[in-house]
Amino acid sequence: MNKLPLQKRVQILSMLCEGSSMRSISRVADVSINTVSKMLVDAGQVCAAYHDQYVRGLNCKRVQCDEIWSFCYSKDKNVKAAKAAPKGAGNVWTWTALDADTKLIVTWSVGDRDADNAANIMEDLRDRVKTRMQLTTDGLKVYLEAVQEAFGVDGIDYAQLVEIYGAAPGKGDESRYSPAECIGSKKVKVEGEPDIKHVSTSYVERQNLNMRMGMRRFTRLTNAFSKKLDNHCHALALYFMFYNFCRIHKTLRVTPAMAAGVTEKLWNTEGIVALIDARDERKRTRQPGA
């Protein structure tokens, strides 16, 4: 089987990580769109596996959680009228848990904005962090039961930052895409003894902005949205690997993974290509008669 040169594969992954669309990458790198898609799938699979195996045993003191909206194939209201809508079409929420000190993405989950997905991310967060932590979320009610089920009554210091919104904007053209104005917030203790001065979701909300800028499929008001839920998840896995291990945080001056003690080295996209090659080599050597 023909394999692209290393630098070409690095170029494709780097452009995916920097927010380029798949078709623009196809044009710039002079490869087919199917090649770009295959690179995304391969990278997403190995990055998800690496994160699951190695981002564990963390010493997190303060964790912030939030959800960010996107959609796959079409928005929820258009799914019924869409032709041949695939499984997973409609609104998609990405849940993230971020360490406020190291800026590490501890865990993430994709699905609906419901109790099941809240439970999934809380249980995974519990399994990855070995120390008692202070957790802050927004005022979404499904977090309450999810946190209690995952951490018990006295296993965590948990508070919610409940934002208060005013009336929605008017119907004029200038306010058509404007969200409702946030007119205030209140900090609510839920469990344990959270330090009120550290009850904040600022870092994880800034990470939401990073995601919108770093993944073309999250850009609003374009046709670059995800068409397949699987590819959406692969793009997230690649992005989080790049964010945690490859990109130096300007404040920390190291990567989040280095700050959290997950790794001692600075990764690059060549390292992700090496993960793909190592996986393919393992598959080849396991094949009968290879």
C-alpha atoms as a PDB file:
ATOM      1  CA  MET A   1       0.000   0.000   0.000  1.00  0.00           C
ATOM      2  CA  ASN A   2       1.311   3.448  -0.912  1.00  0.00           C
ATOM      3  CA  LYS A   3       1.983   5.752   2.015  1.00  0.00           C
ATOM      4  CA  LEU A   4       2.284   9.526   1.904  1.00  0.00           C
ATOM      5  CA  PRO A   5       5.682  11.035   2.775  1.00  0.00           C
ATOM      6  CA  LEU A   6       6.088  11.939   6.429  1.00  0.00           C
ATOM      7  CA  GLN A   7       6.132  15.698   5.813  1.00  0.00           C
ATOM      8  CA  LYS A   8       2.929  15.543   3.794  1.00  0.00           C
ATOM      9  CA  ARG A   9       1.172  13.660   6.582  1.00  0.00           C
ATOM     10  CA  VAL A  10       2.500  16.120   9.148  1.00  0.00           C
ATOM     11  CA  GLN A  11       1.250  18.992   6.990  1.00  0.00           C
ATOM     12  CA  ILE A  12      -2.252  17.525   6.800  1.00  0.00           C
ATOM     13  CA  LEU A  13      -2.491  16.928  10.557  1.00  0.00           C
ATOM     14  CA  SER A  14      -1.053  20.351  11.359  1.00  0.00           C
ATOM     15  CA  MET A  15      -3.634  22.060   9.172  1.00  0.00           C
ATOM     16  CA  LEU A  16      -6.425  20.035  10.754  1.00  0.00           C
ATOM     17  CA  CYS A  17      -5.207  21.139  14.181  1.00  0.00           C
ATOM     18  CA  GLU A  18      -5.027  24.801  13.126  1.00  0.00           C
ATOM     19  CA  GLY A  19      -8.641  24.996  11.976  1.00  0.00           C
ATOM     20  CA  SER A  20      -8.412  24.509   8.220  1.00  0.00           C
ATOM     21  CA  SER A  21     -11.303  22.818   6.476  1.00  0.00           C
ATOM     22  CA  MET A  22     -10.795  19.388   4.947  1.00  0.00           C
ATOM     23  CA  ARG A  23     -11.315  20.619   1.382  1.00  0.00           C
ATOM     24  CA  SER A  24      -8.885  23.505   1.812  1.00  0.00           C
ATOM     25  CA  ILE A  25      -6.322  21.018   3.140  1.00  0.00           C
ATOM     26  CA  SER A  26      -6.989  18.836   0.111  1.00  0.00           C
ATOM     27  CA  ARG A  27      -6.223  21.775  -2.200  1.00  0.00           C
ATOM     28  CA  VAL A  28      -3.174  23.093  -0.351  1.00  0.00           C
ATOM     29  CA  ALA A  29      -1.571  19.683   0.264  1.00  0.00           C
ATOM     30  CA  ASP A  30      -2.521  18.469  -3.233  1.00  0.00           C
ATOM     31  CA  VAL A  31      -4.129  15.256  -2.014  1.00  0.00           C
ATOM     32  CA  SER A  32      -7.618  13.831  -2.394  1.00  0.00           C
ATOM     33  CA  ILE A  33     -10.337  14.628   0.129  1.00  0.00           C
ATOM     34  CA  ASN A  34     -10.492  10.914   0.916  1.00  0.00           C
ATOM     35  CA  THR A  35      -6.833  11.013   1.946  1.00  0.00           C
ATOM     36  CA  VAL A  36      -7.512  13.886   4.328  1.00  0.00           C
ATOM     37  CA  SER A  37     -10.534  12.051   5.734  1.00  0.00           C
ATOM     38  CA  LYS A  38      -8.520   8.877   6.301  1.00  0.00           C
ATOM     39  CA  MET A  39      -5.780  10.821   8.064  1.00  0.00           C
ATOM     40  CA  LEU A  40      -8.394  12.382  10.340  1.00  0.00           C
ATOM     41  CA  VAL A  41      -9.909   8.995  11.204  1.00  0.00           C
ATOM     42  CA  ASP A  42      -6.519   7.373  11.858  1.00  0.00           C
ATOM     43  CA  ALA A  43      -5.305  10.271  13.976  1.00  0.00           C
ATOM     44  CA  GLY A  44      -8.568  10.509  15.914  1.00  0.00           C
ATOM     45  CA  GLN A  45      -8.478   6.825  16.805  1.00  0.00           C
ATOM     46  CA  VAL A  46      -4.906   6.773  18.081  1.00  0.00           C
ATOM     47  CA  CYS A  47      -5.276  10.099  19.916  1.00  0.00           C
ATOM     48  CA  ALA A  48      -8.413   8.943  21.722  1.00  0.00           C
ATOM     49  CA  ALA A  49      -6.691   5.700  22.728  1.00  0.00           C
ATOM     50  CA  TYR A  50      -3.558   7.526  23.931  1.00  0.00           C
ATOM     51  CA  HIS A  51      -5.577  10.022  25.977  1.00  0.00           C
ATOM     52  CA  ASP A  52      -7.634   7.254  27.541  1.00  0.00           C
ATOM     53  CA  GLN A  53      -4.528   5.305  28.557  1.00  0.00           C
ATOM     54  CA  TYR A  54      -2.175   8.027  29.770  1.00  0.00           C
ATOM     55  CA  VAL A  55      -4.237  10.966  31.040  1.00  0.00           C
ATOM     56  CA  ARG A  56      -4.855   9.345  34.424  1.00  0.00           C
ATOM     57  CA  GLY A  57      -3.663   9.524  38.007  1.00  0.00           C
ATOM     58  CA  LEU A  58      -3.858  13.312  37.946  1.00  0.00           C
ATOM     59  CA  ASN A  59      -3.338  15.684  40.874  1.00  0.00           C
ATOM     60  CA  CYS A  60      -6.003  18.276  40.116  1.00  0.00           C
ATOM     61  CA  LYS A  61      -7.002  20.867  42.695  1.00  0.00           C
ATOM     62  CA  ARG A  62      -9.549  22.895  40.718  1.00  0.00           C
ATOM     63  CA  VAL A  63     -11.556  21.590  37.756  1.00  0.00           C
ATOM     64  CA  GLN A  64     -14.050  23.465  35.603  1.00  0.00           C
ATOM     65  CA  CYS A  65     -16.670  21.778  33.402  1.00  0.00           C
ATOM     66  CA  ASP A  66     -18.816  23.140  30.606  1.00  0.00           C
ATOM     67  CA  GLU A  67     -20.645  22.150  27.413  1.00  0.00           C
ATOM     68  CA  ILE A  68     -20.355  23.643  23.923  1.00  0.00           C
ATOM     69  CA  TRP A  69     -22.970  23.322  21.177  1.00  0.00           C
ATOM     70  CA  SER A  70     -22.502  22.280  17.579  1.00  0.00           C
ATOM     71  CA  PHE A  71     -24.449  20.129  15.148  1.00  0.00           C
ATOM     72  CA  CYS A  72     -23.917  17.225  12.783  1.00  0.00           C
ATOM     73  CA  TYR A  73     -25.440  17.086   9.266  1.00  0.00           C
ATOM     74  CA  SER A  74     -28.225  19.525  10.211  1.00  0.00           C
ATOM     75  CA  LYS A  75     -29.711  21.280  13.187  1.00  0.00           C
ATOM     76  CA  ASP A  76     -32.315  19.412  15.213  1.00  0.00           C
ATOM     77  CA  LYS A  77     -35.232  21.302  13.710  1.00  0.00           C
ATOM     78  CA  ASN A  78     -34.210  20.261  10.169  1.00  0.00           C
ATOM     79  CA  VAL A  79     -33.407  16.578  10.766  1.00  0.00           C
ATOM     80  CA  LYS A  80     -36.920  15.274  10.020  1.00  0.00           C
ATOM     81  CA  ALA A  81     -37.051  17.060   6.662  1.00  0.00           C
ATOM     82  CA  ALA A  82     -33.456  16.156   5.714  1.00  0.00           C
ATOM     83  CA  LYS A  83     -32.825  13.494   3.083  1.00  0.00           C
ATOM     84  CA  ALA A  84     -30.964  10.417   4.321  1.00  0.00           C
ATOM     85  CA  ALA A  85     -29.925  11.963   7.629  1.00  0.00           C
ATOM     86  CA  PRO A  86     -27.291   9.682   9.216  1.00  0.00           C
ATOM     87  CA  LYS A  87     -27.331   8.349  12.753  1.00  0.00           C
ATOM     88  CA  GLY A  88     -26.267  11.098  15.136  1.00  0.00           C
ATOM     89  CA  ALA A  89     -27.632  13.931  13.005  1.00  0.00           C
ATOM     90  CA  GLY A  90     -28.795  17.016  14.854  1.00  0.00           C
ATOM     91  CA  ASN A  91     -27.498  18.983  17.809  1.00  0.00           C
ATOM     92  CA  VAL A  92     -24.266  17.718  19.328  1.00  0.00           C
ATOM     93  CA  TRP A  93     -22.878  18.845  22.674  1.00  0.00           C
ATOM     94  CA  THR A  94     -19.211  18.486  23.610  1.00  0.00           C
ATOM     95  CA  TRP A  95     -18.635  18.238  27.360  1.00  0.00           C
ATOM     96  CA  THR A  96     -15.182  19.153  28.663  1.00  0.00           C
ATOM     97  CA  ALA A  97     -13.465  19.102  32.055  1.00  0.00           C
ATOM     98  CA  LEU A  98     -10.427  21.383  32.367  1.00  0.00           C
ATOM     99  CA  ASP A  99      -7.821  21.658  35.140  1.00  0.00           C
ATOM    100  CA  ALA A 100      -7.769  25.358  36.045  1.00  0.00           C
ATOM    101  CA  ASP A 101      -4.103  25.273  37.129  1.00  0.00           C
ATOM    102  CA  THR A 102      -2.456  23.311  34.308  1.00  0.00           C
ATOM    103  CA  LYS A 103      -5.129  24.050  31.647  1.00  0.00           C
ATOM    104  CA  LEU A 104      -5.173  20.318  30.838  1.00  0.00           C
ATOM    105  CA  ILE A 105      -8.285  18.883  29.216  1.00  0.00           C
ATOM    106  CA  VAL A 106      -8.811  16.054  31.704  1.00  0.00           C
ATOM    107  CA  THR A 107     -11.699  14.407  29.898  1.00  0.00           C
ATOM    108  CA  TRP A 108     -14.330  15.081  27.271  1.00  0.00           C
ATOM    109  CA  SER A 109     -17.545  13.531  26.033  1.00  0.00           C
ATOM    110  CA  VAL A 110     -19.854  13.957  23.037  1.00  0.00           C
ATOM    111  CA  GLY A 111     -23.618  13.543  23.063  1.00  0.00           C
ATOM    112  CA  ASP A 112     -26.836  15.221  24.116  1.00  0.00           C
ATOM    113  CA  ARG A 113     -27.095  17.798  26.858  1.00  0.00           C
ATOM    114  CA  ASP A 114     -28.760  15.352  29.219  1.00  0.00           C
ATOM    115  CA  ALA A 115     -28.324  13.424  32.459  1.00  0.00           C
ATOM    116  CA  ASP A 116     -26.658  10.409  30.820  1.00  0.00           C
ATOM    117  CA  ASN A 117     -23.817  12.442  29.359  1.00  0.00           C
ATOM    118  CA  ALA A 118     -23.426  14.438  32.563  1.00  0.00           C
ATOM    119  CA  ALA A 119     -23.042  11.131  34.408  1.00  0.00           C
ATOM    120  CA  ASN A 120     -20.536   9.854  31.832  1.00  0.00           C
ATOM    121  CA  ILE A 121     -18.171  12.798  32.133  1.00  0.00           C
ATOM    122  CA  MET A 122     -18.376  12.938  35.934  1.00  0.00           C
ATOM    123  CA  GLU A 123     -17.609   9.232  36.281  1.00  0.00           C
ATOM    124  CA  ASP A 124     -14.679   9.516  33.862  1.00  0.00           C
ATOM    125  CA  LEU A 125     -13.401  12.608  35.691  1.00  0.00           C
ATOM    126  CA  ARG A 126     -13.528  10.701  38.994  1.00  0.00           C
ATOM    127  CA  ASP A 127     -11.530   7.821  37.508  1.00  0.00           C
ATOM    128  CA  ARG A 128      -8.775  10.099  36.143  1.00  0.00           C
ATOM    129  CA  VAL A 129      -8.149  12.309  39.185  1.00  0.00           C
ATOM    130  CA  LYS A 130      -6.674  10.731  42.324  1.00  0.00           C
ATOM    131  CA  THR A 131      -6.900  13.761  44.618  1.00  0.00           C
ATOM    132  CA  ARG A 132      -9.827  15.582  46.151  1.00  0.00           C
ATOM    133  CA  MET A 133     -10.752  18.485  43.909  1.00  0.00           C
ATOM    134  CA  GLN A 134     -12.886  21.585  43.791  1.00  0.00           C
ATOM    135  CA  LEU A 135     -15.320  21.385  40.881  1.00  0.00           C
ATOM    136  CA  THR A 136     -17.197  24.253  39.266  1.00  0.00           C
ATOM    137  CA  THR A 137     -19.924  23.888  36.638  1.00  0.00           C
ATOM    138  CA  ASP A 138     -22.603  26.152  35.256  1.00  0.00           C
ATOM    139  CA  GLY A 139     -26.146  25.980  36.582  1.00  0.00           C
ATOM    140  CA  LEU A 140     -27.260  23.031  34.428  1.00  0.00           C
ATOM    141  CA  LYS A 141     -29.413  20.892  36.735  1.00  0.00           C
ATOM    142  CA  VAL A 142     -28.286  17.506  35.390  1.00  0.00           C
ATOM    143  CA  TYR A 143     -24.859  18.102  36.967  1.00  0.00           C
ATOM    144  CA  LEU A 144     -26.294  17.888  40.473  1.00  0.00           C
ATOM    145  CA  GLU A 145     -27.218  14.209  40.457  1.00  0.00           C
ATOM    146  CA  ALA A 146     -24.285  13.287  38.215  1.00  0.00           C
ATOM    147  CA  VAL A 147     -21.728  14.749  40.647  1.00  0.00           C
ATOM    148  CA  GLN A 148     -23.373  13.157  43.668  1.00  0.00           C
ATOM    149  CA  GLU A 149     -23.536   9.737  42.007  1.00  0.00           C
ATOM    150  CA  ALA A 150     -19.902   9.894  40.877  1.00  0.00           C
ATOM    151  CA  PHE A 151     -18.244  11.385  43.977  1.00  0.00           C
ATOM    152  CA  GLY A 152     -20.653  10.643  46.812  1.00  0.00           C
ATOM    153  CA  VAL A 153     -21.844  13.060  49.454  1.00  0.00           C
ATOM    154  CA  ASP A 154     -18.411  14.013  50.823  1.00  0.00           C
ATOM    155  CA  GLY A 155     -15.966  13.170  48.038  1.00  0.00           C
ATOM    156  CA  ILE A 156     -15.695  16.559  46.374  1.00  0.00           C
ATOM    157  CA  ASP A 157     -15.969  20.314  46.932  1.00  0.00           C
ATOM    158  CA  TYR A 158     -18.553  21.354  44.376  1.00  0.00           C
ATOM    159  CA  ALA A 159     -20.136  24.680  43.463  1.00  0.00           C
ATOM    160  CA  GLN A 160     -22.160  26.035  40.566  1.00  0.00           C
ATOM    161  CA  LEU A 161     -21.750  29.400  38.878  1.00  0.00           C
ATOM    162  CA  VAL A 162     -25.303  30.294  37.914  1.00  0.00           C
ATOM    163  CA  GLU A 163     -25.474  33.005  35.258  1.00  0.00           C
ATOM    164  CA  ILE A 164     -28.482  35.305  35.108  1.00  0.00           C
ATOM    165  CA  TYR A 165     -29.617  36.459  31.671  1.00  0.00           C
ATOM    166  CA  GLY A 166     -31.776  39.358  30.636  1.00  0.00           C
ATOM    167  CA  ALA A 167     -34.333  39.491  27.866  1.00  0.00           C
ATOM    168  CA  ALA A 168     -33.373  38.081  24.471  1.00  0.00           C
ATOM    169  CA  PRO A 169     -32.323  40.643  21.812  1.00  0.00           C
ATOM    170  CA  GLY A 170     -34.906  42.111  19.477  1.00  0.00           C
ATOM    171  CA  LYS A 171     -35.676  40.905  15.972  1.00  0.00           C
ATOM    172  CA  GLY A 172     -33.627  43.455  14.062  1.00  0.00           C
ATOM    173  CA  ASP A 173     -30.830  42.420  11.707  1.00  0.00           C
ATOM    174  CA  GLU A 174     -28.098  43.698  14.046  1.00  0.00           C
ATOM    175  CA  SER A 175     -29.245  41.474  16.927  1.00  0.00           C
ATOM    176  CA  ARG A 176     -30.275  38.435  14.900  1.00  0.00           C
ATOM    177  CA  TYR A 177     -27.307  36.302  15.988  1.00  0.00           C
ATOM    178  CA  SER A 178     -26.709  37.902  19.390  1.00  0.00           C
ATOM    179  CA  PRO A 179     -27.192  35.807  22.550  1.00  0.00           C
ATOM    180  CA  ALA A 180     -29.185  37.018  25.510  1.00  0.00           C
ATOM    181  CA  GLU A 181     -27.230  39.469  27.670  1.00  0.00           C
ATOM    182  CA  CYS A 182     -25.737  38.111  30.888  1.00  0.00           C
ATOM    183  CA  ILE A 183     -26.693  40.599  33.594  1.00  0.00           C
ATOM    184  CA  GLY A 184     -25.108  38.835  36.555  1.00  0.00           C
ATOM    185  CA  SER A 185     -24.163  35.577  38.226  1.00  0.00           C
ATOM    186  CA  LYS A 186     -24.286  33.922  41.620  1.00  0.00           C
ATOM    187  CA  LYS A 187     -22.015  31.328  43.225  1.00  0.00           C
ATOM    188  CA  VAL A 188     -23.875  28.443  44.820  1.00  0.00           C
ATOM    189  CA  LYS A 189     -22.251  25.905  47.149  1.00  0.00           C
ATOM    190  CA  VAL A 190     -23.557  22.408  46.455  1.00  0.00           C
ATOM    191  CA  GLU A 191     -21.316  19.897  48.247  1.00  0.00           C
ATOM    192  CA  GLY A 192     -18.285  20.011  50.522  1.00  0.00           C
ATOM    193  CA  GLU A 193     -16.456  23.259  51.236  1.00  0.00           C
ATOM    194  CA  PRO A 194     -15.567  24.914  47.918  1.00  0.00           C
ATOM    195  CA  ASP A 195     -13.453  28.076  48.078  1.00  0.00           C
ATOM    196  CA  ILE A 196     -15.817  30.742  46.806  1.00  0.00           C
ATOM    197  CA  LYS A 197     -13.044  32.878  45.313  1.00  0.00           C
ATOM    198  CA  HIS A 198     -12.162  29.985  43.000  1.00  0.00           C
ATOM    199  CA  VAL A 199     -15.747  29.305  41.866  1.00  0.00           C
ATOM    200  CA  SER A 200     -15.356  30.173  38.192  1.00  0.00           C
ATOM    201  CA  THR A 201     -15.821  28.749  34.703  1.00  0.00           C
ATOM    202  CA  SER A 202     -13.675  31.365  32.943  1.00  0.00           C
ATOM    203  CA  TYR A 203     -10.922  28.982  31.852  1.00  0.00           C
ATOM    204  CA  VAL A 204     -13.217  26.329  30.423  1.00  0.00           C
ATOM    205  CA  GLU A 205     -15.308  28.956  28.652  1.00  0.00           C
ATOM    206  CA  ARG A 206     -12.115  30.351  27.121  1.00  0.00           C
ATOM    207  CA  GLN A 207     -11.355  26.798  26.033  1.00  0.00           C
ATOM    208  CA  ASN A 208     -14.724  26.747  24.258  1.00  0.00           C
ATOM    209  CA  LEU A 209     -13.526  29.738  22.243  1.00  0.00           C
ATOM    210  CA  ASN A 210     -10.282  27.881  21.463  1.00  0.00           C
ATOM    211  CA  MET A 211     -12.352  25.005  20.110  1.00  0.00           C
ATOM    212  CA  ARG A 212     -14.406  27.289  17.872  1.00  0.00           C
ATOM    213  CA  MET A 213     -11.228  28.833  16.497  1.00  0.00           C
ATOM    214  CA  GLY A 214      -9.217  25.604  16.324  1.00  0.00           C
ATOM    215  CA  MET A 215     -11.739  23.355  14.573  1.00  0.00           C
ATOM    216  CA  ARG A 216     -13.371  24.486  11.357  1.00  0.00           C
ATOM    217  CA  ARG A 217     -16.412  22.315  11.995  1.00  0.00           C
ATOM    218  CA  PHE A 218     -17.266  24.439  15.078  1.00  0.00           C
ATOM    219  CA  THR A 219     -17.316  27.724  13.132  1.00  0.00           C
ATOM    220  CA  ARG A 220     -20.790  29.240  13.106  1.00  0.00           C
ATOM    221  CA  LEU A 221     -22.734  30.284   9.998  1.00  0.00           C
ATOM    222  CA  THR A 222     -20.691  28.241   7.521  1.00  0.00           C
ATOM    223  CA  ASN A 223     -21.108  24.945   5.667  1.00  0.00           C
ATOM    224  CA  ALA A 224     -18.036  23.449   7.410  1.00  0.00           C
ATOM    225  CA  PHE A 225     -20.088  21.692  10.095  1.00  0.00           C
ATOM    226  CA  SER A 226     -19.628  17.963  10.655  1.00  0.00           C
ATOM    227  CA  LYS A 227     -21.485  15.643   8.319  1.00  0.00           C
ATOM    228  CA  LYS A 228     -20.725  12.460  10.290  1.00  0.00           C
ATOM    229  CA  LEU A 229     -20.745  12.114  14.064  1.00  0.00           C
ATOM    230  CA  ASP A 230     -17.763   9.736  13.993  1.00  0.00           C
ATOM    231  CA  ASN A 231     -15.622  12.287  12.137  1.00  0.00           C
ATOM    232  CA  HIS A 232     -16.737  14.936  14.620  1.00  0.00           C
ATOM    233  CA  CYS A 233     -15.393  12.774  17.458  1.00  0.00           C
ATOM    234  CA  HIS A 234     -12.165  12.050  15.569  1.00  0.00           C
ATOM    235  CA  ALA A 235     -11.593  15.785  15.071  1.00  0.00           C
ATOM    236  CA  LEU A 236     -12.100  16.381  18.785  1.00  0.00           C
ATOM    237  CA  ALA A 237      -9.688  13.610  19.768  1.00  0.00           C
ATOM    238  CA  LEU A 238      -7.010  15.020  17.465  1.00  0.00           C
ATOM    239  CA  TYR A 239      -7.584  18.575  18.668  1.00  0.00           C
ATOM    240  CA  PHE A 240      -7.379  17.654  22.367  1.00  0.00           C
ATOM    241  CA  MET A 241      -4.195  15.662  21.788  1.00  0.00           C
ATOM    242  CA  PHE A 242      -2.686  18.644  19.986  1.00  0.00           C
ATOM    243  CA  TYR A 243      -3.869  21.058  22.682  1.00  0.00           C
ATOM    244  CA  ASN A 244      -2.702  18.944  25.634  1.00  0.00           C
ATOM    245  CA  PHE A 245       0.604  17.661  24.277  1.00  0.00           C
ATOM    246  CA  CYS A 246       1.806  19.778  21.324  1.00  0.00           C
ATOM    247  CA  ARG A 247       0.904  23.434  21.815  1.00  0.00           C
ATOM    248  CA  ILE A 248       2.810  25.480  24.381  1.00  0.00           C
ATOM    249  CA  HIS A 249       0.472  27.478  26.601  1.00  0.00           C
ATOM    250  CA  LYS A 250       1.574  31.125  26.608  1.00  0.00           C
ATOM    251  CA  THR A 251       1.028  31.565  30.343  1.00  0.00           C
ATOM    252  CA  LEU A 252       2.520  28.244  31.444  1.00  0.00           C
ATOM    253  CA  ARG A 253       5.326  28.269  28.824  1.00  0.00           C
ATOM    254  CA  VAL A 254       4.936  24.496  28.603  1.00  0.00           C
ATOM    255  CA  THR A 255       2.140  22.308  27.295  1.00  0.00           C
ATOM    256  CA  PRO A 256      -0.751  21.487  29.634  1.00  0.00           C
ATOM    257  CA  ALA A 257       0.340  17.819  29.676  1.00  0.00           C
ATOM    258  CA  MET A 258       3.848  18.833  30.785  1.00  0.00           C
ATOM    259  CA  ALA A 259       2.431  21.132  33.474  1.00  0.00           C
ATOM    260  CA  ALA A 260       0.228  18.295  34.755  1.00  0.00           C
ATOM    261  CA  GLY A 261       3.113  15.812  34.834  1.00  0.00           C
ATOM    262  CA  VAL A 262       1.573  13.547  32.202  1.00  0.00           C
ATOM    263  CA  THR A 263       4.655  13.811  29.982  1.00  0.00           C
ATOM    264  CA  GLU A 264       8.132  15.327  30.194  1.00  0.00           C
ATOM    265  CA  LYS A 265       8.584  16.002  26.482  1.00  0.00           C
ATOM    266  CA  LEU A 266       7.145  18.487  24.025  1.00  0.00           C
ATOM    267  CA  TRP A 267       5.160  16.611  21.393  1.00  0.00           C
ATOM    268  CA  ASN A 268       4.611  17.620  17.778  1.00  0.00           C
ATOM    269  CA  THR A 269       2.455  16.308  14.959  1.00  0.00           C
ATOM    270  CA  GLU A 270       5.246  13.952  13.912  1.00  0.00           C
ATOM    271  CA  GLY A 271       4.635  12.185  17.217  1.00  0.00           C
ATOM    272  CA  ILE A 272       0.977  11.693  16.294  1.00  0.00           C
ATOM    273  CA  VAL A 273       2.018  10.252  12.923  1.00  0.00           C
ATOM    274  CA  ALA A 274       4.350   7.906  14.827  1.00  0.00           C
ATOM    275  CA  LEU A 275       1.387   6.704  16.915  1.00  0.00           C
ATOM    276  CA  ILE A 276      -0.510   5.895  13.717  1.00  0.00           C
ATOM    277  CA  ASP A 277       2.474   4.005  12.269  1.00  0.00           C
ATOM    278  CA  ALA A 278       2.989   2.062  15.500  1.00  0.00           C
ATOM    279  CA  ARG A 279      -0.658   1.014  15.542  1.00  0.00           C
ATOM    280  CA  ASP A 280      -0.528  -0.061  11.897  1.00  0.00           C
ATOM    281  CA  GLU A 281       2.648  -2.060  12.560  1.00  0.00           C
ATOM    282  CA  ARG A 282       0.975  -3.879  15.458  1.00  0.00           C
ATOM    283  CA  LYS A 283      -1.962  -4.737  13.226  1.00  0.00           C
ATOM    284  CA  ARG A 284       0.348  -6.007  10.504  1.00  0.00           C
ATOM    285  CA  THR A 285       2.369  -8.228  12.808  1.00  0.00           C
ATOM    286  CA  ARG A 286      -0.809  -9.753  14.268  1.00  0.00           C
ATOM    287  CA  GLN A 287      -2.141 -10.777  10.857  1.00  0.00           C
ATOM    288  CA  PRO A 288      -1.829 -14.535  10.132  1.00  0.00           C
ATOM    289  CA  GLY A 289       1.089 -15.256   7.808  1.00  0.00           C
ATOM    290  CA  ALA A 290       2.490 -11.706   8.062  1.00  0.00           C
END
